[in-house]
Amino acid sequence: MQGLSSTFTGELYKEWERCSQRLVFSEVVSFAEKIKELAENDNHQPLAKWADDLKLQTELFSTPTVKTLLQKYAGFYR
């Protein structure tokens, strides 16, 4: 998971912050898709499932759940 964890402090971290602050659903879906691809490439199933959940809840316009899921993202690297 070295490659995936190093992206947490780079552009993806900035994108996560932006998504969390602005909550623009199209940006959140794009972020979830990027995370899922990286997670699958690193065989990180919990993170891939999280990305699927985030995308689904965003597409359902479930704002409270999307906020909660975005908050959980940082927990994958603590």
PDB file of N, CA and C in Angstrom:
ATOM      1  N   MET A   1       0.813  -1.186   0.000  1.00  0.00           N
ATOM      2  CA  MET A   1       0.000   0.000   0.000  1.00  0.00           C
ATOM      3  C   MET A   1       0.865   1.261   0.000  1.00  0.00           C
ATOM      4  N   GLN A   2       2.153   1.153  -0.189  1.00  0.00           N
ATOM      5  CA  GLN A   2       3.048   2.300  -0.171  1.00  0.00           C
ATOM      6  C   GLN A   2       2.639   3.352  -1.197  1.00  0.00           C
ATOM      7  N   GLY A   3       2.379   2.969  -2.434  1.00  0.00           N
ATOM      8  CA  GLY A   3       1.999   3.931  -3.459  1.00  0.00           C
ATOM      9  C   GLY A   3       0.714   4.650  -3.113  1.00  0.00           C
ATOM     10  N   LEU A   4      -0.233   3.921  -2.604  1.00  0.00           N
ATOM     11  CA  LEU A   4      -1.518   4.513  -2.238  1.00  0.00           C
ATOM     12  C   LEU A   4      -1.370   5.467  -1.062  1.00  0.00           C
ATOM     13  N   SER A   5      -0.615   5.102  -0.059  1.00  0.00           N
ATOM     14  CA  SER A   5      -0.475   5.966   1.104  1.00  0.00           C
ATOM     15  C   SER A   5       0.278   7.246   0.773  1.00  0.00           C
ATOM     16  N   SER A   6       1.213   7.187  -0.156  1.00  0.00           N
ATOM     17  CA  SER A   6       1.943   8.401  -0.509  1.00  0.00           C
ATOM     18  C   SER A   6       1.055   9.405  -1.222  1.00  0.00           C
ATOM     19  N   THR A   7       0.001   8.946  -1.885  1.00  0.00           N
ATOM     20  CA  THR A   7      -0.905   9.879  -2.558  1.00  0.00           C
ATOM     21  C   THR A   7      -1.789  10.617  -1.570  1.00  0.00           C
ATOM     22  N   PHE A   8      -1.898  10.111  -0.356  1.00  0.00           N
ATOM     23  CA  PHE A   8      -2.754  10.759   0.631  1.00  0.00           C
ATOM     24  C   PHE A   8      -2.236  12.143   1.010  1.00  0.00           C
ATOM     25  N   THR A   9      -0.945  12.354   0.916  1.00  0.00           N
ATOM     26  CA  THR A   9      -0.376  13.646   1.271  1.00  0.00           C
ATOM     27  C   THR A   9      -0.213  14.554   0.056  1.00  0.00           C
ATOM     28  N   GLY A  10      -0.554  14.086  -1.119  1.00  0.00           N
ATOM     29  CA  GLY A  10      -0.376  14.867  -2.334  1.00  0.00           C
ATOM     30  C   GLY A  10      -1.674  15.416  -2.878  1.00  0.00           C
ATOM     31  N   GLU A  11      -1.822  15.293  -4.178  1.00  0.00           N
ATOM     32  CA  GLU A  11      -2.981  15.852  -4.866  1.00  0.00           C
ATOM     33  C   GLU A  11      -4.307  15.260  -4.380  1.00  0.00           C
ATOM     34  N   LEU A  12      -4.327  13.966  -4.100  1.00  0.00           N
ATOM     35  CA  LEU A  12      -5.588  13.364  -3.644  1.00  0.00           C
ATOM     36  C   LEU A  12      -6.011  13.916  -2.289  1.00  0.00           C
ATOM     37  N   TYR A  13      -5.037  14.218  -1.445  1.00  0.00           N
ATOM     38  CA  TYR A  13      -5.374  14.826  -0.151  1.00  0.00           C
ATOM     39  C   TYR A  13      -6.017  16.191  -0.369  1.00  0.00           C
ATOM     40  N   LYS A  14      -5.446  16.970  -1.274  1.00  0.00           N
ATOM     41  CA  LYS A  14      -6.014  18.286  -1.582  1.00  0.00           C
ATOM     42  C   LYS A  14      -7.411  18.146  -2.178  1.00  0.00           C
ATOM     43  N   GLU A  15      -7.571  17.139  -3.025  1.00  0.00           N
ATOM     44  CA  GLU A  15      -8.886  16.912  -3.622  1.00  0.00           C
ATOM     45  C   GLU A  15      -9.898  16.492  -2.558  1.00  0.00           C
ATOM     46  N   TRP A  16      -9.467  15.640  -1.627  1.00  0.00           N
ATOM     47  CA  TRP A  16     -10.343  15.228  -0.522  1.00  0.00           C
ATOM     48  C   TRP A  16     -10.763  16.443   0.314  1.00  0.00           C
ATOM     49  N   GLU A  17      -9.810  17.311   0.627  1.00  0.00           N
ATOM     50  CA  GLU A  17     -10.143  18.516   1.391  1.00  0.00           C
ATOM     51  C   GLU A  17     -11.161  19.369   0.646  1.00  0.00           C
ATOM     52  N   ARG A  18     -10.934  19.551  -0.642  1.00  0.00           N
ATOM     53  CA  ARG A  18     -11.846  20.353  -1.465  1.00  0.00           C
ATOM     54  C   ARG A  18     -13.236  19.732  -1.491  1.00  0.00           C
ATOM     55  N   CYS A  19     -13.293  18.428  -1.689  1.00  0.00           N
ATOM     56  CA  CYS A  19     -14.587  17.732  -1.711  1.00  0.00           C
ATOM     57  C   CYS A  19     -15.300  17.865  -0.372  1.00  0.00           C
ATOM     58  N   SER A  20     -14.552  17.722   0.709  1.00  0.00           N
ATOM     59  CA  SER A  20     -15.142  17.795   2.039  1.00  0.00           C
ATOM     60  C   SER A  20     -15.680  19.188   2.346  1.00  0.00           C
ATOM     61  N   GLN A  21     -14.995  20.195   1.879  1.00  0.00           N
ATOM     62  CA  GLN A  21     -15.402  21.568   2.159  1.00  0.00           C
ATOM     63  C   GLN A  21     -16.530  22.031   1.251  1.00  0.00           C
ATOM     64  N   ARG A  22     -16.424  21.732  -0.026  1.00  0.00           N
ATOM     65  CA  ARG A  22     -17.380  22.273  -1.000  1.00  0.00           C
ATOM     66  C   ARG A  22     -18.587  21.372  -1.227  1.00  0.00           C
ATOM     67  N   LEU A  23     -18.358  20.072  -1.132  1.00  0.00           N
ATOM     68  CA  LEU A  23     -19.403  19.067  -1.333  1.00  0.00           C
ATOM     69  C   LEU A  23     -20.119  19.223  -2.689  1.00  0.00           C
ATOM     70  N   VAL A  24     -19.324  19.416  -3.739  1.00  0.00           N
ATOM     71  CA  VAL A  24     -19.851  19.438  -5.106  1.00  0.00           C
ATOM     72  C   VAL A  24     -19.917  17.981  -5.552  1.00  0.00           C
ATOM     73  N   PHE A  25     -21.120  17.491  -5.769  1.00  0.00           N
ATOM     74  CA  PHE A  25     -21.294  16.057  -5.981  1.00  0.00           C
ATOM     75  C   PHE A  25     -20.527  15.513  -7.177  1.00  0.00           C
ATOM     76  N   SER A  26     -20.419  16.252  -8.253  1.00  0.00           N
ATOM     77  CA  SER A  26     -19.655  15.754  -9.407  1.00  0.00           C
ATOM     78  C   SER A  26     -18.181  15.587  -9.048  1.00  0.00           C
ATOM     79  N   GLU A  27     -17.648  16.473  -8.210  1.00  0.00           N
ATOM     80  CA  GLU A  27     -16.265  16.351  -7.761  1.00  0.00           C
ATOM     81  C   GLU A  27     -16.092  15.150  -6.831  1.00  0.00           C
ATOM     82  N   VAL A  28     -17.079  14.913  -5.995  1.00  0.00           N
ATOM     83  CA  VAL A  28     -17.014  13.779  -5.068  1.00  0.00           C
ATOM     84  C   VAL A  28     -17.037  12.463  -5.841  1.00  0.00           C
ATOM     85  N   VAL A  29     -17.886  12.369  -6.861  1.00  0.00           N
ATOM     86  CA  VAL A  29     -17.943  11.155  -7.682  1.00  0.00           C
ATOM     87  C   VAL A  29     -16.603  10.930  -8.363  1.00  0.00           C
ATOM     88  N   SER A  30     -16.026  11.968  -8.921  1.00  0.00           N
ATOM     89  CA  SER A  30     -14.721  11.861  -9.584  1.00  0.00           C
ATOM     90  C   SER A  30     -13.650  11.405  -8.594  1.00  0.00           C
ATOM     91  N   PHE A  31     -13.658  11.973  -7.403  1.00  0.00           N
ATOM     92  CA  PHE A  31     -12.710  11.585  -6.359  1.00  0.00           C
ATOM     93  C   PHE A  31     -12.880  10.116  -5.991  1.00  0.00           C
ATOM     94  N   ALA A  32     -14.110   9.682  -5.802  1.00  0.00           N
ATOM     95  CA  ALA A  32     -14.385   8.287  -5.449  1.00  0.00           C
ATOM     96  C   ALA A  32     -13.877   7.338  -6.528  1.00  0.00           C
ATOM     97  N   GLU A  33     -14.059   7.703  -7.781  1.00  0.00           N
ATOM     98  CA  GLU A  33     -13.589   6.854  -8.876  1.00  0.00           C
ATOM     99  C   GLU A  33     -12.065   6.740  -8.887  1.00  0.00           C
ATOM    100  N   LYS A  34     -11.373   7.834  -8.619  1.00  0.00           N
ATOM    101  CA  LYS A  34      -9.905   7.806  -8.564  1.00  0.00           C
ATOM    102  C   LYS A  34      -9.428   6.921  -7.412  1.00  0.00           C
ATOM    103  N   ILE A  35     -10.049   7.090  -6.252  1.00  0.00           N
ATOM    104  CA  ILE A  35      -9.657   6.291  -5.092  1.00  0.00           C
ATOM    105  C   ILE A  35      -9.917   4.811  -5.339  1.00  0.00           C
ATOM    106  N   LYS A  36     -11.054   4.499  -5.950  1.00  0.00           N
ATOM    107  CA  LYS A  36     -11.358   3.091  -6.210  1.00  0.00           C
ATOM    108  C   LYS A  36     -10.311   2.469  -7.128  1.00  0.00           C
ATOM    109  N   GLU A  37      -9.936   3.181  -8.159  1.00  0.00           N
ATOM    110  CA  GLU A  37      -8.926   2.639  -9.088  1.00  0.00           C
ATOM    111  C   GLU A  37      -7.600   2.388  -8.367  1.00  0.00           C
ATOM    112  N   LEU A  38      -7.167   3.346  -7.566  1.00  0.00           N
ATOM    113  CA  LEU A  38      -5.924   3.163  -6.810  1.00  0.00           C
ATOM    114  C   LEU A  38      -6.030   2.022  -5.812  1.00  0.00           C
ATOM    115  N   ALA A  39      -7.156   1.952  -5.123  1.00  0.00           N
ATOM    116  CA  ALA A  39      -7.353   0.895  -4.129  1.00  0.00           C
ATOM    117  C   ALA A  39      -7.348  -0.485  -4.778  1.00  0.00           C
ATOM    118  N   GLU A  40      -8.001  -0.605  -5.922  1.00  0.00           N
ATOM    119  CA  GLU A  40      -8.012  -1.889  -6.623  1.00  0.00           C
ATOM    120  C   GLU A  40      -6.619  -2.259  -7.124  1.00  0.00           C
ATOM    121  N   ASN A  41      -5.869  -1.277  -7.599  1.00  0.00           N
ATOM    122  CA  ASN A  41      -4.504  -1.549  -8.060  1.00  0.00           C
ATOM    123  C   ASN A  41      -3.610  -2.015  -6.927  1.00  0.00           C
ATOM    124  N   ASP A  42      -3.862  -1.535  -5.719  1.00  0.00           N
ATOM    125  CA  ASP A  42      -3.089  -1.940  -4.542  1.00  0.00           C
ATOM    126  C   ASP A  42      -3.757  -3.068  -3.760  1.00  0.00           C
ATOM    127  N   ASN A  43      -4.870  -3.585  -4.300  1.00  0.00           N
ATOM    128  CA  ASN A  43      -5.599  -4.672  -3.651  1.00  0.00           C
ATOM    129  C   ASN A  43      -6.019  -4.303  -2.225  1.00  0.00           C
ATOM    130  N   HIS A  44      -6.495  -3.091  -2.061  1.00  0.00           N
ATOM    131  CA  HIS A  44      -6.959  -2.601  -0.756  1.00  0.00           C
ATOM    132  C   HIS A  44      -8.491  -2.621  -0.780  1.00  0.00           C
ATOM    133  N   GLN A  45      -9.072  -3.765  -0.466  1.00  0.00           N
ATOM    134  CA  GLN A  45     -10.507  -3.968  -0.585  1.00  0.00           C
ATOM    135  C   GLN A  45     -11.347  -3.051   0.306  1.00  0.00           C
ATOM    136  N   PRO A  46     -10.965  -2.802   1.556  1.00  0.00           N
ATOM    137  CA  PRO A  46     -11.794  -1.904   2.379  1.00  0.00           C
ATOM    138  C   PRO A  46     -11.893  -0.499   1.770  1.00  0.00           C
ATOM    139  N   LEU A  47     -10.795  -0.007   1.229  1.00  0.00           N
ATOM    140  CA  LEU A  47     -10.820   1.322   0.622  1.00  0.00           C
ATOM    141  C   LEU A  47     -11.608   1.320  -0.684  1.00  0.00           C
ATOM    142  N   ALA A  48     -11.510   0.243  -1.454  1.00  0.00           N
ATOM    143  CA  ALA A  48     -12.296   0.130  -2.689  1.00  0.00           C
ATOM    144  C   ALA A  48     -13.790   0.107  -2.366  1.00  0.00           C
ATOM    145  N   LYS A  49     -14.174  -0.597  -1.310  1.00  0.00           N
ATOM    146  CA  LYS A  49     -15.579  -0.629  -0.910  1.00  0.00           C
ATOM    147  C   LYS A  49     -16.029   0.745  -0.430  1.00  0.00           C
ATOM    148  N   TRP A  50     -15.168   1.416   0.322  1.00  0.00           N
ATOM    149  CA  TRP A  50     -15.486   2.766   0.774  1.00  0.00           C
ATOM    150  C   TRP A  50     -15.748   3.684  -0.432  1.00  0.00           C
ATOM    151  N   ALA A  51     -14.907   3.581  -1.448  1.00  0.00           N
ATOM    152  CA  ALA A  51     -15.071   4.409  -2.646  1.00  0.00           C
ATOM    153  C   ALA A  51     -16.381   4.083  -3.360  1.00  0.00           C
ATOM    154  N   ASP A  52     -16.718   2.801  -3.438  1.00  0.00           N
ATOM    155  CA  ASP A  52     -18.011   2.412  -4.026  1.00  0.00           C
ATOM    156  C   ASP A  52     -19.170   3.011  -3.238  1.00  0.00           C
ATOM    157  N   ASP A  53     -19.083   2.909  -1.918  1.00  0.00           N
ATOM    158  CA  ASP A  53     -20.140   3.460  -1.057  1.00  0.00           C
ATOM    159  C   ASP A  53     -20.254   4.970  -1.236  1.00  0.00           C
ATOM    160  N   LEU A  54     -19.115   5.645  -1.289  1.00  0.00           N
ATOM    161  CA  LEU A  54     -19.120   7.098  -1.459  1.00  0.00           C
ATOM    162  C   LEU A  54     -19.766   7.489  -2.789  1.00  0.00           C
ATOM    163  N   LYS A  55     -19.393   6.796  -3.838  1.00  0.00           N
ATOM    164  CA  LYS A  55     -19.973   7.107  -5.147  1.00  0.00           C
ATOM    165  C   LYS A  55     -21.480   6.868  -5.146  1.00  0.00           C
ATOM    166  N   LEU A  56     -21.910   5.736  -4.612  1.00  0.00           N
ATOM    167  CA  LEU A  56     -23.332   5.412  -4.579  1.00  0.00           C
ATOM    168  C   LEU A  56     -24.118   6.451  -3.783  1.00  0.00           C
ATOM    169  N   GLN A  57     -23.651   6.768  -2.583  1.00  0.00           N
ATOM    170  CA  GLN A  57     -24.379   7.722  -1.744  1.00  0.00           C
ATOM    171  C   GLN A  57     -24.397   9.120  -2.363  1.00  0.00           C
ATOM    172  N   THR A  58     -23.340   9.463  -3.086  1.00  0.00           N
ATOM    173  CA  THR A  58     -23.304  10.748  -3.775  1.00  0.00           C
ATOM    174  C   THR A  58     -24.332  10.764  -4.899  1.00  0.00           C
ATOM    175  N   GLU A  59     -24.383   9.674  -5.654  1.00  0.00           N
ATOM    176  CA  GLU A  59     -25.351   9.592  -6.749  1.00  0.00           C
ATOM    177  C   GLU A  59     -26.795   9.580  -6.244  1.00  0.00           C
ATOM    178  N   LEU A  60     -26.992   9.147  -4.985  1.00  0.00           N
ATOM    179  CA  LEU A  60     -28.320   9.165  -4.369  1.00  0.00           C
ATOM    180  C   LEU A  60     -28.599  10.500  -3.667  1.00  0.00           C
ATOM    181  N   PHE A  61     -27.657  11.428  -3.733  1.00  0.00           N
ATOM    182  CA  PHE A  61     -27.771  12.746  -3.104  1.00  0.00           C
ATOM    183  C   PHE A  61     -28.013  12.650  -1.597  1.00  0.00           C
ATOM    184  N   SER A  62     -27.365  11.692  -0.974  1.00  0.00           N
ATOM    185  CA  SER A  62     -27.489  11.498   0.473  1.00  0.00           C
ATOM    186  C   SER A  62     -26.405  12.325   1.182  1.00  0.00           C
ATOM    187  N   THR A  63     -26.654  13.608   1.307  1.00  0.00           N
ATOM    188  CA  THR A  63     -25.659  14.546   1.822  1.00  0.00           C
ATOM    189  C   THR A  63     -25.088  14.151   3.188  1.00  0.00           C
ATOM    190  N   PRO A  64     -25.904  13.804   4.180  1.00  0.00           N
ATOM    191  CA  PRO A  64     -25.322  13.442   5.488  1.00  0.00           C
ATOM    192  C   PRO A  64     -24.389  12.229   5.399  1.00  0.00           C
ATOM    193  N   THR A  65     -24.774  11.241   4.617  1.00  0.00           N
ATOM    194  CA  THR A  65     -23.945  10.041   4.478  1.00  0.00           C
ATOM    195  C   THR A  65     -22.662  10.352   3.727  1.00  0.00           C
ATOM    196  N   VAL A  66     -22.748  11.197   2.712  1.00  0.00           N
ATOM    197  CA  VAL A  66     -21.559  11.588   1.955  1.00  0.00           C
ATOM    198  C   VAL A  66     -20.572  12.305   2.877  1.00  0.00           C
ATOM    199  N   LYS A  67     -21.061  13.204   3.700  1.00  0.00           N
ATOM    200  CA  LYS A  67     -20.198  13.915   4.646  1.00  0.00           C
ATOM    201  C   LYS A  67     -19.515  12.940   5.598  1.00  0.00           C
ATOM    202  N   THR A  68     -20.279  11.992   6.109  1.00  0.00           N
ATOM    203  CA  THR A  68     -19.733  10.998   7.034  1.00  0.00           C
ATOM    204  C   THR A  68     -18.666  10.149   6.351  1.00  0.00           C
ATOM    205  N   LEU A  69     -18.949   9.705   5.139  1.00  0.00           N
ATOM    206  CA  LEU A  69     -17.978   8.888   4.410  1.00  0.00           C
ATOM    207  C   LEU A  69     -16.710   9.680   4.105  1.00  0.00           C
ATOM    208  N   LEU A  70     -16.843  10.913   3.728  1.00  0.00           N
ATOM    209  CA  LEU A  70     -15.659  11.732   3.462  1.00  0.00           C
ATOM    210  C   LEU A  70     -14.810  11.884   4.723  1.00  0.00           C
ATOM    211  N   GLN A  71     -15.442  12.010   5.866  1.00  0.00           N
ATOM    212  CA  GLN A  71     -14.699  12.121   7.124  1.00  0.00           C
ATOM    213  C   GLN A  71     -13.913  10.845   7.413  1.00  0.00           C
ATOM    214  N   LYS A  72     -14.433   9.716   6.992  1.00  0.00           N
ATOM    215  CA  LYS A  72     -13.776   8.429   7.262  1.00  0.00           C
ATOM    216  C   LYS A  72     -12.536   8.200   6.407  1.00  0.00           C
ATOM    217  N   TYR A  73     -12.383   8.960   5.326  1.00  0.00           N
ATOM    218  CA  TYR A  73     -11.265   8.757   4.413  1.00  0.00           C
ATOM    219  C   TYR A  73      -9.921   8.854   5.137  1.00  0.00           C
ATOM    220  N   ALA A  74      -9.751   9.848   5.990  1.00  0.00           N
ATOM    221  CA  ALA A  74      -8.491  10.038   6.692  1.00  0.00           C
ATOM    222  C   ALA A  74      -8.161   8.852   7.590  1.00  0.00           C
ATOM    223  N   GLY A  75      -9.158   8.148   8.068  1.00  0.00           N
ATOM    224  CA  GLY A  75      -8.951   7.003   8.941  1.00  0.00           C
ATOM    225  C   GLY A  75      -8.218   5.848   8.290  1.00  0.00           C
ATOM    226  N   PHE A  76      -8.199   5.798   6.988  1.00  0.00           N
ATOM    227  CA  PHE A  76      -7.490   4.720   6.303  1.00  0.00           C
ATOM    228  C   PHE A  76      -5.979   4.875   6.436  1.00  0.00           C
ATOM    229  N   TYR A  77      -5.503   6.038   6.845  1.00  0.00           N
ATOM    230  CA  TYR A  77      -4.078   6.296   6.889  1.00  0.00           C
ATOM    231  C   TYR A  77      -3.560   6.656   8.270  1.00  0.00           C
ATOM    232  N   ARG A  78      -4.385   6.462   9.277  1.00  0.00           N
ATOM    233  CA  ARG A  78      -3.945   6.776  10.648  1.00  0.00           C
ATOM    234  C   ARG A  78      -3.459   5.540  11.327  1.00  0.00           C
TER     235      ARG A  78
END
